[in-house]
Amino acid sequence: MSTCRWCGRAFTPRINGGKPQYFCRAACRRALDAAGRRWIAAALADGSLTIDALRTSIPETRALPIDAKAGPSASDAADTLLDLFIALPEPILFALPDELFERIAVCLEMEAACRP
């Protein structure tokens, strides 16, 4: 059993594959998306967030690279893309070409092969 990240209800995640399931139903996933959009709109309106900061900031959930001059690795970029894709509504996510996900997997594999 898992717990819905939005409403807190217990649910049994699907077992037929796909991305990990964090919400008990689509309505909870949409409610989180809507709340996030409202939160950003309010932060922009009260001046605690700017469009420029939103556009250029490094996500706080990501660790900074050890060598800041080196910049993010290919796997960091691939992980960020995957995080963005997971946030997409399912109809859009399923409409993306498989080749896109295959290229991300190649980037992750190449990065792993280069580690000492």
Protein backbone atom coordinates (compact mmCIF):
# COMPACT_ATOMS: atom_id res chain seq x y z
CA MET A 1 0.00 0.00 0.00
CA SER A 2 1.06 3.57 -0.69
CA THR A 3 -0.23 6.89 0.58
CA CYS A 4 -1.52 9.58 -1.79
CA ARG A 5 0.75 12.62 -1.68
CA TRP A 6 -2.24 14.96 -2.03
CA CYS A 7 -5.11 13.58 0.07
CA GLY A 8 -3.23 11.11 2.29
CA ARG A 9 -5.49 8.14 1.44
CA ALA A 10 -3.98 4.67 1.24
CA PHE A 11 -4.08 3.09 -2.21
CA THR A 12 -2.63 0.14 -4.07
CA PRO A 13 -0.36 1.34 -6.89
CA ARG A 14 -1.00 -0.06 -10.34
CA ILE A 15 1.10 -3.06 -11.29
CA ASN A 16 0.92 -2.80 -15.07
CA GLY A 17 4.09 -0.73 -15.46
CA GLY A 18 4.54 2.93 -16.25
CA LYS A 19 5.97 5.60 -14.02
CA PRO A 20 5.71 5.34 -10.23
CA GLN A 21 2.25 6.21 -8.93
CA TYR A 22 2.19 8.87 -6.20
CA PHE A 23 -1.50 9.79 -6.23
CA CYS A 24 -4.57 7.66 -5.58
CA ARG A 25 -6.42 9.13 -8.58
CA ALA A 26 -6.01 11.61 -11.40
CA ALA A 27 -8.07 14.24 -9.54
CA CYS A 28 -5.45 14.35 -6.75
CA ARG A 29 -2.61 14.73 -9.26
CA ARG A 30 -4.50 17.57 -10.98
CA ALA A 31 -5.25 19.20 -7.62
CA LEU A 32 -1.52 19.31 -6.82
CA ASP A 33 -0.76 20.76 -10.25
CA ALA A 34 -3.42 23.44 -9.80
CA ALA A 35 -2.23 24.29 -6.27
CA GLY A 36 1.33 24.66 -7.58
CA ARG A 37 0.19 27.02 -10.32
CA ARG A 38 -1.81 29.08 -7.81
CA TRP A 39 1.17 29.20 -5.42
CA ILE A 40 3.48 30.45 -8.18
CA ALA A 41 0.92 33.03 -9.34
CA ALA A 42 0.54 34.33 -5.76
CA ALA A 43 4.33 34.51 -5.28
CA LEU A 44 4.68 36.44 -8.53
CA ALA A 45 1.85 38.79 -7.52
CA ASP A 46 3.30 39.59 -4.08
CA GLY A 47 6.83 40.01 -5.45
CA SER A 48 8.46 37.16 -3.51
CA LEU A 49 9.21 35.48 -6.86
CA THR A 50 10.16 37.03 -10.17
CA ILE A 51 9.83 35.63 -13.66
CA ASP A 52 13.60 35.98 -14.11
CA ALA A 53 14.27 34.02 -10.90
CA LEU A 54 11.82 31.35 -11.98
CA ARG A 55 13.41 31.11 -15.42
CA THR A 56 17.07 31.08 -14.34
CA SER A 57 17.23 29.57 -10.86
CA ILE A 58 18.69 26.17 -10.14
CA PRO A 59 16.02 23.94 -8.59
CA GLU A 60 16.59 23.75 -4.84
CA THR A 61 15.89 20.03 -4.89
CA ARG A 62 19.09 19.42 -6.87
CA ALA A 63 22.53 19.33 -5.32
CA LEU A 64 25.05 21.71 -6.79
CA PRO A 65 27.87 20.09 -8.75
CA ILE A 66 31.04 19.47 -6.72
CA ASP A 67 33.02 21.50 -9.25
CA ALA A 68 30.80 24.48 -10.04
CA LYS A 69 32.96 25.24 -13.11
CA ALA A 70 32.17 21.83 -14.56
CA GLY A 71 28.44 22.53 -14.53
CA PRO A 72 25.78 19.85 -14.41
CA SER A 73 26.55 16.38 -15.73
CA ALA A 74 24.67 14.64 -18.51
CA SER A 75 22.90 12.49 -15.93
CA ASP A 76 21.81 15.62 -14.00
CA ALA A 77 20.30 16.99 -17.21
CA ALA A 78 18.63 13.66 -17.99
CA ASP A 79 17.27 13.41 -14.43
CA THR A 80 15.90 16.95 -14.68
CA LEU A 81 14.19 16.13 -17.96
CA LEU A 82 12.67 13.00 -16.46
CA ASP A 83 11.40 15.04 -13.47
CA LEU A 84 9.79 17.51 -15.86
CA PHE A 85 8.20 14.73 -17.90
CA ILE A 86 6.77 13.08 -14.78
CA ALA A 87 4.99 16.36 -13.98
CA LEU A 88 3.27 16.42 -17.39
CA PRO A 89 -0.36 15.34 -17.67
CA GLU A 90 -0.55 11.72 -18.85
CA PRO A 91 -2.09 12.49 -22.30
CA ILE A 92 0.86 14.75 -23.11
CA LEU A 93 3.41 12.37 -21.58
CA PHE A 94 2.13 9.42 -23.61
CA ALA A 95 2.15 11.53 -26.79
CA LEU A 96 5.93 12.14 -26.53
CA PRO A 97 8.03 10.00 -28.89
CA ASP A 98 9.72 6.92 -27.42
CA GLU A 99 12.97 8.10 -29.04
CA LEU A 100 13.12 10.95 -26.53
CA PHE A 101 13.13 8.57 -23.58
CA GLU A 102 15.63 6.28 -25.34
CA ARG A 103 18.05 9.22 -25.78
CA ILE A 104 17.75 10.09 -22.08
CA ALA A 105 18.50 6.46 -21.17
CA VAL A 106 21.60 6.56 -23.40
CA CYS A 107 22.81 9.71 -21.62
CA LEU A 108 22.37 8.03 -18.24
CA GLU A 109 24.19 4.89 -19.39
CA MET A 110 27.09 6.90 -20.84
CA GLU A 111 27.44 8.91 -17.65
CA ALA A 112 27.44 5.73 -15.52
CA ALA A 113 30.12 4.13 -17.76
CA CYS A 114 32.42 7.15 -17.27
CA ARG A 115 32.34 7.04 -13.47
CA PRO A 116 35.47 5.65 -11.77
